[in-house]
Protein backbone atom coordinates (compact mmCIF):
# COMPACT_ATOMS: atom_id res chain seq x y z
CA UNK A 1 83.30 140.04 175.36
CA UNK A 2 84.71 142.60 172.94
CA UNK A 3 81.94 142.11 170.41
CA UNK A 4 79.34 142.28 173.18
CA UNK A 5 80.82 145.59 174.35
CA UNK A 6 80.86 147.06 170.83
CA UNK A 7 77.63 145.55 169.49
CA UNK A 8 78.56 146.17 165.84
CA UNK A 9 76.17 145.44 163.01
CA UNK A 10 76.98 142.47 160.81
CA UNK A 11 78.11 144.86 158.07
CA UNK A 12 80.39 146.81 160.46
CA UNK A 13 81.90 143.60 161.82
CA UNK A 14 82.54 142.05 158.43
CA UNK A 15 83.96 145.24 156.93
CA UNK A 16 86.19 145.90 159.94
CA UNK A 17 87.61 142.38 159.96
CA UNK A 18 88.27 142.48 156.21
CA UNK A 19 89.93 145.90 156.48
CA UNK A 20 92.12 144.57 159.28
CA UNK A 21 93.16 141.54 157.21
CA UNK A 22 94.10 143.54 154.15
CA UNK A 23 95.96 146.35 155.99
CA UNK A 24 99.49 146.58 157.34
CA UNK A 25 98.94 146.42 161.10
CA UNK A 26 101.79 147.80 163.18
CA UNK A 27 101.49 148.33 166.92
CA UNK A 28 103.33 151.43 168.13
CA UNK A 29 104.25 149.83 171.48
CA UNK A 30 103.82 146.26 172.67
CA UNK A 31 104.64 144.22 175.74
CA UNK A 32 104.69 141.24 173.43
CA UNK A 33 103.70 137.63 173.92
CA UNK A 34 104.72 136.13 177.26
CA UNK A 35 105.41 132.40 177.46
CA UNK A 36 104.92 130.38 180.65
CA UNK A 37 107.84 129.98 182.99
CA UNK A 38 109.23 126.51 183.61
CA UNK A 39 107.78 126.14 187.09
CA UNK A 40 109.82 123.08 188.06
CA UNK A 41 113.07 124.76 187.01
CA UNK A 42 112.18 127.87 189.00
CA UNK A 43 111.38 125.73 192.05
CA UNK A 44 114.78 124.06 191.81
CA UNK A 45 116.50 127.44 191.50
CA UNK A 46 114.71 128.79 194.57
CA UNK A 47 115.65 125.70 196.55
CA UNK A 48 119.27 126.25 195.51
CA UNK A 49 119.18 129.78 196.97
CA UNK A 50 118.73 131.97 193.90
CA UNK A 51 118.73 135.71 194.66
CA UNK A 52 115.84 138.04 193.83
CA UNK A 53 117.80 139.66 190.99
CA UNK A 54 118.79 136.29 189.52
CA UNK A 55 115.20 135.08 189.79
CA UNK A 56 113.94 138.10 187.88
CA UNK A 57 116.48 137.49 185.12
CA UNK A 58 115.61 133.78 184.96
CA UNK A 59 111.83 134.19 184.81
CA UNK A 60 111.99 137.10 182.36
CA UNK A 61 114.19 135.06 180.05
CA UNK A 62 111.73 132.17 180.21
CA UNK A 63 108.72 134.38 179.45
CA UNK A 64 110.41 135.89 176.41
CA UNK A 65 112.17 132.88 174.90
CA UNK A 66 110.29 129.66 175.80
CA UNK A 67 108.02 130.00 172.76
CA UNK A 68 110.89 128.33 170.93
CA UNK A 69 111.17 125.56 173.54
CA UNK A 70 108.61 123.07 172.25
CA UNK A 71 106.13 122.55 169.44
CA UNK A 72 103.09 123.22 171.61
CA UNK A 73 104.29 126.63 172.73
CA UNK A 74 105.44 127.44 169.20
CA UNK A 75 101.96 126.67 167.89
CA UNK A 76 100.32 128.81 170.59
CA UNK A 77 102.66 131.69 169.76
CA UNK A 78 101.76 131.63 166.08
CA UNK A 79 98.06 131.22 166.87
CA UNK A 80 98.07 134.36 169.03
CA UNK A 81 99.82 136.37 166.31
CA UNK A 82 97.30 135.17 163.73
CA UNK A 83 94.33 135.98 165.97
CA UNK A 84 95.63 139.51 166.51
CA UNK A 85 96.19 140.18 162.83
CA UNK A 86 99.23 142.26 163.85
CA UNK A 87 102.08 142.25 161.34
CA UNK A 88 104.65 144.20 163.34
CA UNK A 89 105.06 145.27 166.96
CA UNK A 90 107.35 147.93 168.36
CA UNK A 91 108.54 145.62 171.09
CA UNK A 92 109.54 146.50 174.65
CA UNK A 93 113.02 144.99 174.41
CA UNK A 94 115.01 147.03 176.93
CA UNK A 95 114.36 147.06 180.67
CA UNK A 96 113.00 150.20 182.30
CA UNK A 97 115.70 152.67 183.35
CA UNK A 98 119.13 153.57 181.98
CA UNK A 99 121.39 150.79 183.29
CA UNK A 100 123.00 149.29 180.16
CA UNK A 101 123.56 145.78 181.53
CA UNK A 102 119.93 145.46 182.62
CA UNK A 103 118.78 146.88 179.28
CA UNK A 104 120.82 144.36 177.30
CA UNK A 105 118.85 141.45 178.76
CA UNK A 106 115.62 141.91 176.83
CA UNK A 107 117.48 142.80 173.65
CA UNK A 108 119.28 139.47 173.98
CA UNK A 109 116.08 137.54 174.71
CA UNK A 110 114.23 138.88 171.67
CA UNK A 111 117.29 138.41 169.49
CA UNK A 112 117.36 134.78 170.62
CA UNK A 113 113.64 134.38 169.93
CA UNK A 114 113.79 135.85 166.43
CA UNK A 115 116.92 133.84 165.62
CA UNK A 116 115.21 130.59 166.64
CA UNK A 117 111.84 131.42 165.03
CA UNK A 118 113.12 133.35 162.04
CA UNK A 119 110.73 131.66 159.59
CA UNK A 120 107.78 133.05 161.57
CA UNK A 121 108.96 136.27 163.23
CA UNK A 122 111.96 138.42 162.35
CA UNK A 123 113.65 141.54 163.70
CA UNK A 124 113.01 144.65 161.66
CA UNK A 125 116.20 146.72 161.74
CA UNK A 126 115.02 149.11 159.03
CA UNK A 127 111.57 150.48 158.14
CA UNK A 128 111.40 148.58 154.87
CA UNK A 129 111.97 145.33 156.78
CA UNK A 130 108.43 145.77 158.14
CA UNK A 131 106.96 145.85 154.65
CA UNK A 132 109.17 142.98 153.50
CA UNK A 133 108.19 140.77 156.44
CA UNK A 134 104.49 141.17 155.69
CA UNK A 135 105.08 140.42 152.02
CA UNK A 136 106.94 137.24 153.00
CA UNK A 137 104.18 136.12 155.36
CA UNK A 138 106.20 136.73 158.53
CA UNK A 139 105.53 138.83 161.59
CA UNK A 140 108.28 141.13 162.85
CA UNK A 141 109.49 143.03 165.89
CA UNK A 142 111.06 146.48 166.03
CA UNK A 143 113.15 146.49 169.18
CA UNK A 144 112.68 149.42 171.55
CA UNK A 145 114.18 150.35 174.92
CA UNK A 146 112.39 151.72 177.97
CA UNK A 147 115.19 154.15 178.64
CA UNK A 148 118.36 155.71 177.25
CA UNK A 149 121.44 153.61 178.14
CA UNK A 150 123.91 155.77 180.06
CA UNK A 151 127.47 155.00 181.11
CA UNK A 152 127.01 156.51 184.58
CA UNK A 153 130.49 158.06 184.82
CA UNK A 154 129.32 161.64 184.20
CA UNK A 155 132.74 162.72 182.91
CA UNK A 156 131.54 164.47 179.76
CA UNK A 157 128.11 164.58 178.18
CA UNK A 158 129.43 163.08 174.97
CA UNK A 159 131.07 160.18 176.80
CA UNK A 160 127.91 159.58 178.79
CA UNK A 161 125.96 159.10 175.55
CA UNK A 162 128.46 156.82 173.81
CA UNK A 163 126.37 153.69 174.34
CA UNK A 164 123.57 154.98 172.12
CA UNK A 165 125.44 153.96 168.98
CA UNK A 166 126.09 150.51 170.47
CA UNK A 167 122.40 149.97 171.18
CA UNK A 168 121.49 151.25 167.72
CA UNK A 169 123.91 148.72 166.23
CA UNK A 170 122.25 146.02 168.34
CA UNK A 171 118.92 146.91 166.74
CA UNK A 172 117.22 149.33 169.14
CA UNK A 173 115.16 151.78 167.09
CA UNK A 174 113.11 153.66 169.71
CA UNK A 175 113.92 154.84 173.25
CA UNK A 176 112.00 156.33 176.17
CA UNK A 177 113.74 159.45 177.46
CA UNK A 178 112.47 158.78 180.98
CA UNK A 179 110.41 156.09 182.67
CA UNK A 180 108.04 157.56 185.27
CA UNK A 181 110.82 158.79 187.55
CA UNK A 182 113.26 161.67 187.19
CA UNK A 183 116.65 161.02 185.61
CA UNK A 184 119.50 163.18 184.31
CA UNK A 185 117.64 163.71 181.02
CA UNK A 186 114.36 165.00 182.42
CA UNK A 187 111.35 164.34 184.60
CA UNK A 188 109.20 161.26 184.24
CA UNK A 189 105.43 161.47 184.18
CA UNK A 190 105.13 160.42 187.84
CA UNK A 191 107.33 163.21 189.22
CA UNK A 192 105.27 166.00 190.82
CA UNK A 193 107.91 168.63 190.02
CA UNK A 194 107.40 168.47 186.23
CA UNK A 195 110.78 170.16 185.73
CA UNK A 196 111.25 169.47 182.03
CA UNK A 197 114.21 168.54 179.85
CA UNK A 198 117.67 169.14 181.34
CA UNK A 199 120.63 170.66 179.51
CA UNK A 200 122.01 167.15 179.17
CA UNK A 201 118.58 166.05 177.97
CA UNK A 202 118.84 168.47 175.05
CA UNK A 203 122.15 166.84 174.10
CA UNK A 204 120.56 163.40 174.36
CA UNK A 205 117.73 164.48 172.04
CA UNK A 206 120.25 165.74 169.48
CA UNK A 207 122.25 162.51 169.60
CA UNK A 208 119.13 160.35 169.25
CA UNK A 209 118.12 162.45 166.24
CA UNK A 210 121.58 162.09 164.72
CA UNK A 211 121.60 158.30 165.09
CA UNK A 212 118.08 157.82 163.77
CA UNK A 213 116.52 156.50 166.99
CA UNK A 214 112.86 157.43 167.53
CA UNK A 215 112.29 159.40 170.74
CA UNK A 216 109.36 158.18 172.86
CA UNK A 217 107.91 160.43 175.59
CA UNK A 218 105.08 158.11 176.68
CA UNK A 219 106.45 157.89 180.23
CA UNK A 220 107.89 161.43 180.34
CA UNK A 221 106.46 164.37 182.23
CA UNK A 222 104.39 166.95 180.41
CA UNK A 223 107.08 169.64 180.42
CA UNK A 224 109.81 167.17 179.46
CA UNK A 225 107.63 165.98 176.58
CA UNK A 226 106.90 169.52 175.44
CA UNK A 227 110.56 170.54 175.66
CA UNK A 228 111.48 167.46 173.63
CA UNK A 229 108.95 168.26 170.92
CA UNK A 230 110.46 171.74 170.64
CA UNK A 231 114.05 170.47 170.67
CA UNK A 232 113.78 167.55 168.25
CA UNK A 233 114.59 168.06 164.58
CA UNK A 234 112.61 164.94 163.59
CA UNK A 235 109.23 163.46 164.56
CA UNK A 236 108.82 162.17 168.12
CA UNK A 237 106.15 159.90 169.54
CA UNK A 238 104.18 159.19 172.66
CA UNK A 239 103.74 155.55 171.74
CA UNK A 240 101.27 154.44 174.41
CA UNK A 241 99.36 156.92 176.55
CA UNK A 242 95.83 158.28 176.93
CA UNK A 243 94.02 161.61 176.69
CA UNK A 244 94.06 163.67 179.87
CA UNK A 245 90.93 165.53 178.75
CA UNK A 246 88.96 162.28 179.15
CA UNK A 247 90.61 160.87 182.28
CA UNK A 248 93.28 162.61 184.33
CA UNK A 249 96.23 160.34 185.03
CA UNK A 250 100.01 160.68 185.10
CA UNK A 251 100.22 158.52 181.99
CA UNK A 252 97.84 160.73 180.02
CA UNK A 253 98.74 163.66 177.75
CA UNK A 254 96.86 166.99 177.59
CA UNK A 255 95.56 168.31 174.28
CA UNK A 256 98.22 171.00 173.89
CA UNK A 257 101.00 168.46 174.35
CA UNK A 258 99.44 166.07 171.85
CA UNK A 259 99.33 168.93 169.35
CA UNK A 260 103.00 169.72 170.00
CA UNK A 261 103.96 166.10 169.35
CA UNK A 262 101.90 166.06 166.14
CA UNK A 263 103.54 169.32 165.05
CA UNK A 264 106.89 167.47 164.91
CA UNK A 265 105.31 165.10 162.40
CA UNK A 266 105.03 162.51 165.15
CA UNK A 267 102.33 160.34 166.66
CA UNK A 268 100.20 159.98 169.76
CA UNK A 269 99.61 156.31 170.58
CA UNK A 270 96.61 155.20 172.62
CA UNK A 271 96.97 152.39 175.16
CA UNK A 272 94.19 150.24 176.57
CA UNK A 273 95.22 149.85 180.20
CA UNK A 274 91.82 150.17 181.96
CA UNK A 275 93.05 152.33 184.85
CA UNK A 276 94.47 154.85 182.38
CA UNK A 277 91.35 154.88 180.21
CA UNK A 278 88.82 155.53 182.95
CA UNK A 279 85.15 155.37 182.04
CA UNK A 280 84.08 151.79 181.43
CA UNK A 281 87.74 150.73 181.24
CA UNK A 282 86.77 148.51 178.32
CA UNK A 283 87.13 148.62 174.54
CA UNK A 284 84.54 151.40 174.18
CA UNK A 285 86.60 153.60 176.53
CA UNK A 286 89.69 152.94 174.42
CA UNK A 287 87.76 154.01 171.32
CA UNK A 288 86.68 157.19 173.13
CA UNK A 289 90.36 158.07 173.61
CA UNK A 290 91.13 157.26 169.99
CA UNK A 291 88.24 159.46 168.85
CA UNK A 292 89.43 162.34 171.04
CA UNK A 293 93.02 162.09 169.84
CA UNK A 294 91.83 162.03 166.22
CA UNK A 295 89.77 165.18 166.81
CA UNK A 296 92.73 166.97 168.40
CA UNK A 297 95.64 166.01 166.11
CA UNK A 298 94.08 164.29 163.09
CA UNK A 299 94.02 160.64 162.09
CA UNK A 300 97.44 161.01 160.46
CA UNK A 301 99.06 161.39 163.90
CA UNK A 302 97.32 158.67 165.95
CA UNK A 303 98.46 155.08 166.59
CA UNK A 304 97.60 152.18 168.89
CA UNK A 305 100.11 150.89 171.43
CA UNK A 306 98.26 148.56 173.77
CA UNK A 307 100.96 148.24 176.46
CA UNK A 308 99.30 144.91 177.23
CA UNK A 309 100.86 141.45 176.72
CA UNK A 310 99.41 138.22 175.46
CA UNK A 311 99.91 135.68 178.27
CA UNK A 312 100.20 131.98 177.52
CA UNK A 313 97.28 129.72 178.41
CA UNK A 314 99.83 127.58 180.28
CA UNK A 315 101.14 130.45 182.42
CA UNK A 316 99.02 129.82 185.53
CA UNK A 317 99.70 126.07 185.48
CA UNK A 318 103.47 126.57 185.36
CA UNK A 319 103.51 129.43 187.88
CA UNK A 320 101.66 127.21 190.37
CA UNK A 321 104.65 124.84 190.38
CA UNK A 322 106.99 127.57 191.61
CA UNK A 323 107.24 128.75 195.25
CA UNK A 324 105.35 131.94 196.01
CA UNK A 325 105.09 134.48 198.78
CA UNK A 326 108.72 134.64 199.83
CA UNK A 327 110.07 137.24 197.44
CA UNK A 328 110.42 140.98 198.00
CA UNK A 329 107.19 142.88 197.37
CA UNK A 330 108.74 146.33 197.53
CA UNK A 331 107.62 148.59 194.70
CA UNK A 332 110.20 148.88 191.97
CA UNK A 333 112.03 152.16 191.37
CA UNK A 334 110.32 152.88 188.05
CA UNK A 335 106.80 152.05 189.27
CA UNK A 336 103.94 154.43 190.03
CA UNK A 337 104.55 154.80 193.75
CA UNK A 338 101.31 156.28 195.07
CA UNK A 339 99.17 153.76 196.96
CA UNK A 340 95.95 155.38 195.74
CA UNK A 341 96.87 155.33 192.05
CA UNK A 342 94.06 153.65 190.08
CA UNK A 343 96.51 151.18 188.55
CA UNK A 344 96.78 149.51 191.98
CA UNK A 345 93.00 149.26 192.52
CA UNK A 346 91.22 145.93 191.87
CA UNK A 347 88.22 147.77 190.40
CA UNK A 348 90.27 148.45 187.26
CA UNK A 349 91.08 144.76 186.77
CA UNK A 350 87.53 143.63 186.06
CA UNK A 351 87.33 140.72 183.60
CA UNK A 352 85.11 142.64 181.15
CA UNK A 353 87.71 145.41 180.92
CA UNK A 354 90.65 143.06 180.47
CA UNK A 355 88.98 140.60 178.11
CA UNK A 356 87.45 143.19 175.78
CA UNK A 357 90.84 144.85 175.30
CA UNK A 358 92.99 141.71 175.28
CA UNK A 359 95.80 141.68 172.72
CA UNK A 360 94.21 139.04 170.50
CA UNK A 361 91.19 141.35 170.12
CA UNK A 362 93.24 143.70 167.94
CA UNK A 363 90.87 143.12 164.96
CA UNK A 364 88.04 144.51 167.07
CA UNK A 365 89.93 147.78 167.50
CA UNK A 366 89.64 148.15 163.73
CA UNK A 367 85.97 147.14 163.85
CA UNK A 368 85.40 149.78 166.51
CA UNK A 369 87.01 152.47 164.37
CA UNK A 370 84.74 151.46 161.48
CA UNK A 371 81.78 151.63 163.85
CA UNK A 372 82.80 155.14 164.94
CA UNK A 373 82.61 156.32 161.32
CA UNK A 374 86.28 156.71 160.42
CA UNK A 375 87.25 156.24 156.78
CA UNK A 376 89.18 153.21 155.58
CA UNK A 377 92.16 155.39 154.65
CA UNK A 378 92.25 156.98 158.11
CA UNK A 379 91.97 153.60 159.80
CA UNK A 380 94.84 152.20 157.73
CA UNK A 381 97.01 155.06 158.95
CA UNK A 382 96.01 154.58 162.60
CA UNK A 383 96.56 150.81 162.71
CA UNK A 384 99.92 150.83 160.96
CA UNK A 385 100.67 153.51 158.40
CA UNK A 386 101.48 156.30 160.83
CA UNK A 387 104.18 154.53 162.83
CA UNK A 388 105.76 153.23 159.60
CA UNK A 389 105.86 156.81 158.27
CA UNK A 390 107.58 158.10 161.42
CA UNK A 391 110.09 155.24 161.35
CA UNK A 392 110.92 156.10 157.75
CA UNK A 393 111.20 159.83 158.46
CA UNK A 394 113.46 159.44 161.50
CA UNK A 395 115.73 156.92 159.80
CA UNK A 396 115.96 158.98 156.60
CA UNK A 397 117.07 162.04 158.61
CA UNK A 398 119.91 160.28 160.45
CA UNK A 399 123.34 161.79 160.03
CA UNK A 400 125.44 158.81 161.07
């Protein structure tokens, strides 16, 4: 489907695939590879009276760790990595929000996975671990959190931020300041008020800079993102968003904001969620956003963060074994709440859109960039070099 959408020449296809193979490929934000649940185990848990919260914890743990459960799943996991040609992914490894206990869950799951599959995929705690993993023939994950962990006592600002060091020590190397909604740091991208970074938010930015944690404003409001770019002493990123000039959406960034992020030395990552892309919603629309971002900020400040998971071929089979239809369908706190948001509309879940941009089609993103006329050096930066540079710069500037 992806090749049919692109229609590259034989020369473009061959050159793009070869360039992808020989380059360091590092995704600036990934939802990762999701294993199937154990449907029978979930059914037993539901029958035993498991709560909604417990069920979420159970199924999330299964999706993130069951790749290590049997040889068949292990083989599928490695096959998906190989098909993608991705060496390193900045992995969503901390639940959305700022509740530290909830955030620890995904960090634990991906620590478990990399411990049990360490010959194939490792955790990259430092920028040079990314390079070393590729040289050793392994894939690697850089753990990131979809929020800043806060104590919640609100006694002093310094005390409120004391968990940042703990999460850094656990391996978290990038954090969202906000996730769609407003918090004490600033406004998320889905808040109509667009109030910007708070006084406490400025202190959070300074502490993240000091510890060497990359600041991600992908889910932050425009003013919060702009204030952060002005406040940060090191590069910041918007790891997975789109260009508002091409399709207006809360998750898009306007040109002036993209320039402000680039002015920090940071990056603008392009996602391939069809509802955010607009247009055809397929791989060509994603390339349109990449082209626009490159025109606005230069190839040296653009990355790819798909924000789309690989889902196991056994997922539907296992899910069918579990009870359905009896769990709460209320929209989660951090979600996009508006009923008319395109992300909720079936039209943006067409198979052509989803299949052409599926995670294992990562090599075709490189082919598409070749097709659009970008140089090999620029493409190498976009598909991996830029996020590695920012990781190095932020870590090198840490004071603690």
